[in-house]
Amino acid sequence: MMAIAALILFAVFIVLAGGARPILQRRRTGDTGIRGFSARPSDIQWWAHYGAAVGGLATGIGAPLAELIGLAPLGFLDHPISRGVGLALAVLGILATFAAQLAMGASWRIAVDRGEQTTLITGGPFRVVRNPIFSAMVLAFLGLTLMVPNLIAVVGFVVMLIGNQAQVRLVEEPYLRQLHGAAYADYAARVGRFLPGIGRLRSG
């Protein structure tokens, strides 16, 4: 049953991205890399972080549980092929998220501490897009949505997507511009934001 599979995959995502990665970071640097929980409601990062978290929980837990207790799927999305494609996308997205997190090395963080200085990572998957972790997360949660295509999953996915967009555009990009100056401006002018070649910023 796809609802059970979606719950299992979401649990794998949490274990890898939210558990194993901070543990590896702590062993390597002495710090978990988790920063988002220190932000306050007056900060856009608070809304972006918790918006994405609530949307993700709705898609990864709320939607499968709702299907298990009888919530009907949306007819235009409910097809065995699209559910199968969703399963493949979810697995691929989860693995890609963890791989992109590992590619950041010691610079990996959950959210931004504006007082910190980290190295600008431009190699590996960051040569293809500037935010491969967010791109992979969107792929994973799109897959979960297609696996359990009910209203809760769709709304949760949209909320998660808005939160991630706000985090990247309103928090991380201004922070990186300020921290790395011309180096980030040149990088952002060459590499797309979430997809290759799309969302490049003017170097000026």
Foldseek 3Di string as FASTA:
>chain_A
DLLVVLLVLLVVLCCQVVNVQLVVLCVVPVGSQEDQVVDDPVDLSVLLQVLLVQLSCLLRPVLSVCVVVPADADPVLDDPVLLVVLSVQQVQLSVQLNVVQVQLPNQRHHADDLVDADDQDCDDCNVFAVCSNVLSVLSNLSSSCSNRVHPSSVVSSVSSNVSVVCRVPVPVVVSCCVRVPLVVLVSLQQADHNGGPHNRDHSD
